[in-house]
Amino acid sequence: MKIKVINKSNNELPMHATALSAGVDLKANLLRGYIQINPGKSVLIPTGIYSELPKGYEVQIRSRSGLTLKKGIIVLNAPGTIDADYRGEWGVILYNTSNIPFIVKSGDRIAQAVLSKYEPIEWELTNKFSETERGKGGFGHTDEKEKEKKETPKPKNTTKKK
């Protein structure tokens, strides 16, 4: 899908790493050349990317798995959202979950951006919902159901063979 974009960074436009990659890699665009993220702290990293998305689409900003696994750096509000009506610079809130400072240099790949289609919500007021097996169960409810299944003894076969 073609997306209107303005690139005010010194980096190439975000690209898919492989033909089947869902996301494009976003790179840091830092005027000073680098920034340090201390342990337990977050920093807004500019990208130099601006866009005009079509109606009914958003861009979701997600952590890069390797950066998370190897360095403990995550996108804090993942997934972050770039709305179709937003025209400002894309920024990425990175958070350092590790216990050592992390340096981000201009041009470093810092996050992934995934284009996503959505439907706007149209609320329909009601006083009752349809019944489901789950009902109001949540926050570990299915874990408890699985535990009950394992603990409940199975009935013995009482039919006699002839």
C-alpha atoms as a PDB file:
ATOM      1  CA  MET A   1       0.000   0.000   0.000  1.00  0.00           C
ATOM      2  CA  LYS A   2       1.343   3.428  -0.873  1.00  0.00           C
ATOM      3  CA  ILE A   3       1.661   5.838   2.062  1.00  0.00           C
ATOM      4  CA  LYS A   4       2.501   9.544   1.751  1.00  0.00           C
ATOM      5  CA  VAL A   5       5.660  10.206   3.762  1.00  0.00           C
ATOM      6  CA  ILE A   6       8.108  13.007   4.502  1.00  0.00           C
ATOM      7  CA  ASN A   7      11.592  11.960   5.615  1.00  0.00           C
ATOM      8  CA  LYS A   8      13.437  14.727   7.507  1.00  0.00           C
ATOM      9  CA  SER A   9      16.096  12.341   8.807  1.00  0.00           C
ATOM     10  CA  ASN A  10      19.463  11.391   7.356  1.00  0.00           C
ATOM     11  CA  ASN A  11      18.285   7.774   7.237  1.00  0.00           C
ATOM     12  CA  GLU A  12      16.708   5.875   4.362  1.00  0.00           C
ATOM     13  CA  LEU A  13      12.952   5.368   4.519  1.00  0.00           C
ATOM     14  CA  PRO A  14      11.913   2.503   6.819  1.00  0.00           C
ATOM     15  CA  MET A  15      12.036  -0.744   4.868  1.00  0.00           C
ATOM     16  CA  HIS A  16      10.924  -4.351   5.289  1.00  0.00           C
ATOM     17  CA  ALA A  17      13.963  -6.482   6.219  1.00  0.00           C
ATOM     18  CA  THR A  18      12.626  -9.429   4.188  1.00  0.00           C
ATOM     19  CA  ALA A  19       9.876  -9.942   1.609  1.00  0.00           C
ATOM     20  CA  LEU A  20       7.528 -11.403   4.262  1.00  0.00           C
ATOM     21  CA  SER A  21       8.352  -9.073   7.186  1.00  0.00           C
ATOM     22  CA  ALA A  22       5.186  -7.547   8.639  1.00  0.00           C
ATOM     23  CA  GLY A  23       6.941  -4.445   9.925  1.00  0.00           C
ATOM     24  CA  VAL A  24       9.481  -1.914   8.765  1.00  0.00           C
ATOM     25  CA  ASP A  25      12.468  -0.972  10.905  1.00  0.00           C
ATOM     26  CA  LEU A  26      12.419   2.534  12.363  1.00  0.00           C
ATOM     27  CA  LYS A  27      15.740   4.278  12.944  1.00  0.00           C
ATOM     28  CA  ALA A  28      16.725   6.922  15.458  1.00  0.00           C
ATOM     29  CA  ASN A  29      17.198  10.481  14.175  1.00  0.00           C
ATOM     30  CA  LEU A  30      19.270  12.235  16.834  1.00  0.00           C
ATOM     31  CA  LEU A  31      20.684  15.739  16.337  1.00  0.00           C
ATOM     32  CA  ARG A  32      23.445  15.179  18.940  1.00  0.00           C
ATOM     33  CA  GLY A  33      24.299  11.815  17.386  1.00  0.00           C
ATOM     34  CA  TYR A  34      23.436   9.687  20.422  1.00  0.00           C
ATOM     35  CA  ILE A  35      21.392   9.519  23.628  1.00  0.00           C
ATOM     36  CA  GLN A  36      21.775   7.406  26.760  1.00  0.00           C
ATOM     37  CA  ILE A  37      18.844   5.574  28.321  1.00  0.00           C
ATOM     38  CA  ASN A  38      19.595   4.839  31.959  1.00  0.00           C
ATOM     39  CA  PRO A  39      18.239   1.734  33.729  1.00  0.00           C
ATOM     40  CA  GLY A  40      14.563   2.090  34.610  1.00  0.00           C
ATOM     41  CA  LYS A  41      14.195   5.244  32.491  1.00  0.00           C
ATOM     42  CA  SER A  42      12.373   6.074  29.270  1.00  0.00           C
ATOM     43  CA  VAL A  43      13.274   8.451  26.446  1.00  0.00           C
ATOM     44  CA  LEU A  44      11.307   9.707  23.434  1.00  0.00           C
ATOM     45  CA  ILE A  45      13.426   8.969  20.346  1.00  0.00           C
ATOM     46  CA  PRO A  46      12.658  11.011  17.208  1.00  0.00           C
ATOM     47  CA  THR A  47      12.651   9.290  13.805  1.00  0.00           C
ATOM     48  CA  GLY A  48      12.383  12.184  11.340  1.00  0.00           C
ATOM     49  CA  ILE A  49       9.422  10.393   9.710  1.00  0.00           C
ATOM     50  CA  TYR A  50       6.059  12.131   9.063  1.00  0.00           C
ATOM     51  CA  SER A  51       3.094  10.516   7.291  1.00  0.00           C
ATOM     52  CA  GLU A  52      -0.400  10.820   5.940  1.00  0.00           C
ATOM     53  CA  LEU A  53      -2.153   7.501   6.485  1.00  0.00           C
ATOM     54  CA  PRO A  54      -5.384   6.554   4.712  1.00  0.00           C
ATOM     55  CA  LYS A  55      -8.656   6.568   6.653  1.00  0.00           C
ATOM     56  CA  GLY A  56      -9.203   3.272   8.464  1.00  0.00           C
ATOM     57  CA  TYR A  57      -5.488   2.597   9.029  1.00  0.00           C
ATOM     58  CA  GLU A  58      -3.004   3.109  11.841  1.00  0.00           C
ATOM     59  CA  VAL A  59       0.673   2.321  12.273  1.00  0.00           C
ATOM     60  CA  GLN A  60       1.541   0.259  15.352  1.00  0.00           C
ATOM     61  CA  ILE A  61       4.979   0.836  16.874  1.00  0.00           C
ATOM     62  CA  ARG A  62       6.432  -2.334  18.405  1.00  0.00           C
ATOM     63  CA  SER A  63       9.606  -3.451  20.132  1.00  0.00           C
ATOM     64  CA  ARG A  64      12.348  -5.137  18.131  1.00  0.00           C
ATOM     65  CA  SER A  65      12.675  -8.664  19.505  1.00  0.00           C
ATOM     66  CA  GLY A  66      16.486  -8.775  19.343  1.00  0.00           C
ATOM     67  CA  LEU A  67      16.862  -5.425  21.111  1.00  0.00           C
ATOM     68  CA  THR A  68      14.483  -6.603  23.812  1.00  0.00           C
ATOM     69  CA  LEU A  69      16.103 -10.014  24.300  1.00  0.00           C
ATOM     70  CA  LYS A  70      19.742  -8.935  24.120  1.00  0.00           C
ATOM     71  CA  LYS A  71      19.631  -5.465  25.696  1.00  0.00           C
ATOM     72  CA  GLY A  72      16.329  -5.204  27.632  1.00  0.00           C
ATOM     73  CA  ILE A  73      15.124  -2.242  25.534  1.00  0.00           C
ATOM     74  CA  ILE A  74      11.372  -2.125  24.885  1.00  0.00           C
ATOM     75  CA  VAL A  75       8.813   0.219  23.356  1.00  0.00           C
ATOM     76  CA  LEU A  76       7.158   1.403  26.558  1.00  0.00           C
ATOM     77  CA  ASN A  77       3.581   1.817  25.331  1.00  0.00           C
ATOM     78  CA  ALA A  78       3.696  -1.087  22.880  1.00  0.00           C
ATOM     79  CA  PRO A  79       2.040  -1.073  20.630  1.00  0.00           C
ATOM     80  CA  GLY A  80       2.222   2.680  20.208  1.00  0.00           C
ATOM     81  CA  THR A  81      -0.202   4.109  17.677  1.00  0.00           C
ATOM     82  CA  ILE A  82       0.247   6.557  14.820  1.00  0.00           C
ATOM     83  CA  ASP A  83      -3.288   7.654  13.907  1.00  0.00           C
ATOM     84  CA  ALA A  84      -4.406   8.435  10.361  1.00  0.00           C
ATOM     85  CA  ASP A  85      -5.046  12.081  11.247  1.00  0.00           C
ATOM     86  CA  TYR A  86      -1.649  12.646  12.943  1.00  0.00           C
ATOM     87  CA  ARG A  87       0.782  14.758  10.909  1.00  0.00           C
ATOM     88  CA  GLY A  88       3.643  15.207  13.387  1.00  0.00           C
ATOM     89  CA  GLU A  89       6.975  13.442  13.618  1.00  0.00           C
ATOM     90  CA  TRP A  90       6.890   9.783  14.575  1.00  0.00           C
ATOM     91  CA  GLY A  91       8.504   9.281  17.960  1.00  0.00           C
ATOM     92  CA  VAL A  92       9.296   6.058  19.806  1.00  0.00           C
ATOM     93  CA  ILE A  93       9.248   5.805  23.608  1.00  0.00           C
ATOM     94  CA  LEU A  94      12.075   3.434  24.521  1.00  0.00           C
ATOM     95  CA  TYR A  95      12.420   2.046  28.050  1.00  0.00           C
ATOM     96  CA  ASN A  96      15.503   0.395  29.530  1.00  0.00           C
ATOM     97  CA  THR A  97      14.476  -2.672  31.573  1.00  0.00           C
ATOM     98  CA  SER A  98      18.099  -3.695  32.163  1.00  0.00           C
ATOM     99  CA  ASN A  99      20.430  -2.625  34.962  1.00  0.00           C
ATOM    100  CA  ILE A 100      23.028  -1.001  32.672  1.00  0.00           C
ATOM    101  CA  PRO A 101      22.838   2.235  30.623  1.00  0.00           C
ATOM    102  CA  PHE A 102      22.060   1.828  26.910  1.00  0.00           C
ATOM    103  CA  ILE A 103      23.317   4.135  24.162  1.00  0.00           C
ATOM    104  CA  VAL A 104      21.121   4.828  21.118  1.00  0.00           C
ATOM    105  CA  LYS A 105      23.033   6.267  18.157  1.00  0.00           C
ATOM    106  CA  SER A 106      21.487   8.136  15.258  1.00  0.00           C
ATOM    107  CA  GLY A 107      20.689   5.578  12.549  1.00  0.00           C
ATOM    108  CA  ASP A 108      20.224   2.668  15.005  1.00  0.00           C
ATOM    109  CA  ARG A 109      17.198   0.476  14.383  1.00  0.00           C
ATOM    110  CA  ILE A 110      15.006   1.102  17.433  1.00  0.00           C
ATOM    111  CA  ALA A 111      11.522  -0.288  16.715  1.00  0.00           C
ATOM    112  CA  GLN A 112       9.212  -1.836  14.163  1.00  0.00           C
ATOM    113  CA  ALA A 113       6.249  -0.131  12.503  1.00  0.00           C
ATOM    114  CA  VAL A 114       3.327  -2.250  11.279  1.00  0.00           C
ATOM    115  CA  LEU A 115       0.483  -0.876   9.151  1.00  0.00           C
ATOM    116  CA  SER A 116      -2.834  -2.084  10.515  1.00  0.00           C
ATOM    117  CA  LYS A 117      -6.400  -1.763   9.258  1.00  0.00           C
ATOM    118  CA  TYR A 118      -9.082  -1.056  11.841  1.00  0.00           C
ATOM    119  CA  GLU A 119     -12.815  -0.541  12.083  1.00  0.00           C
ATOM    120  CA  PRO A 120     -14.149   2.428  14.043  1.00  0.00           C
ATOM    121  CA  ILE A 121     -16.194   1.537  17.120  1.00  0.00           C
ATOM    122  CA  GLU A 122     -19.923   2.159  17.004  1.00  0.00           C
ATOM    123  CA  TRP A 123     -21.361   1.579  20.498  1.00  0.00           C
ATOM    124  CA  GLU A 124     -24.724  -0.158  20.841  1.00  0.00           C
ATOM    125  CA  LEU A 125     -26.197   0.278  24.317  1.00  0.00           C
ATOM    126  CA  THR A 126     -27.751  -2.843  25.810  1.00  0.00           C
ATOM    127  CA  ASN A 127     -28.804  -4.261  29.168  1.00  0.00           C
ATOM    128  CA  LYS A 128     -27.795  -7.862  28.499  1.00  0.00           C
ATOM    129  CA  PHE A 129     -25.176  -9.871  26.612  1.00  0.00           C
ATOM    130  CA  SER A 130     -25.422 -13.352  25.102  1.00  0.00           C
ATOM    131  CA  GLU A 131     -24.258 -16.216  27.338  1.00  0.00           C
ATOM    132  CA  THR A 132     -20.818 -17.773  26.821  1.00  0.00           C
ATOM    133  CA  GLU A 133     -18.864 -20.542  28.529  1.00  0.00           C
ATOM    134  CA  ARG A 134     -16.376 -17.995  29.830  1.00  0.00           C
ATOM    135  CA  GLY A 135     -18.903 -15.413  30.997  1.00  0.00           C
ATOM    136  CA  LYS A 136     -17.248 -12.741  33.151  1.00  0.00           C
ATOM    137  CA  GLY A 137     -14.134 -14.829  33.815  1.00  0.00           C
ATOM    138  CA  GLY A 138     -10.848 -13.063  33.157  1.00  0.00           C
ATOM    139  CA  PHE A 139      -7.393 -12.353  34.542  1.00  0.00           C
ATOM    140  CA  GLY A 140      -6.256 -15.972  34.812  1.00  0.00           C
ATOM    141  CA  HIS A 141      -9.752 -17.466  34.659  1.00  0.00           C
ATOM    142  CA  THR A 142      -8.867 -19.963  31.929  1.00  0.00           C
ATOM    143  CA  ASP A 143      -5.792 -21.047  33.929  1.00  0.00           C
ATOM    144  CA  GLU A 144      -8.085 -21.929  36.856  1.00  0.00           C
ATOM    145  CA  LYS A 145     -10.443 -23.877  34.553  1.00  0.00           C
ATOM    146  CA  GLU A 146      -7.479 -25.892  33.237  1.00  0.00           C
ATOM    147  CA  LYS A 147      -6.337 -26.614  36.804  1.00  0.00           C
ATOM    148  CA  GLU A 148      -9.852 -27.811  37.734  1.00  0.00           C
ATOM    149  CA  LYS A 149      -9.861 -30.214  34.766  1.00  0.00           C
ATOM    150  CA  LYS A 150      -6.592 -31.791  35.928  1.00  0.00           C
ATOM    151  CA  GLU A 151      -7.747 -32.114  39.552  1.00  0.00           C
ATOM    152  CA  THR A 152     -11.232 -33.497  38.847  1.00  0.00           C
ATOM    153  CA  PRO A 153     -11.169 -37.314  38.951  1.00  0.00           C
ATOM    154  CA  LYS A 154     -12.480 -39.011  35.839  1.00  0.00           C
ATOM    155  CA  PRO A 155     -15.548 -41.233  36.387  1.00  0.00           C
ATOM    156  CA  LYS A 156     -14.852 -44.956  36.273  1.00  0.00           C
ATOM    157  CA  ASN A 157     -16.505 -47.052  33.628  1.00  0.00           C
ATOM    158  CA  THR A 158     -19.187 -49.037  35.498  1.00  0.00           C
ATOM    159  CA  THR A 159     -20.559 -50.978  32.559  1.00  0.00           C
ATOM    160  CA  LYS A 160     -19.783 -54.700  32.717  1.00  0.00           C
ATOM    161  CA  LYS A 161     -18.329 -56.516  29.759  1.00  0.00           C
ATOM    162  CA  LYS A 162     -20.141 -59.652  28.676  1.00  0.00           C
END
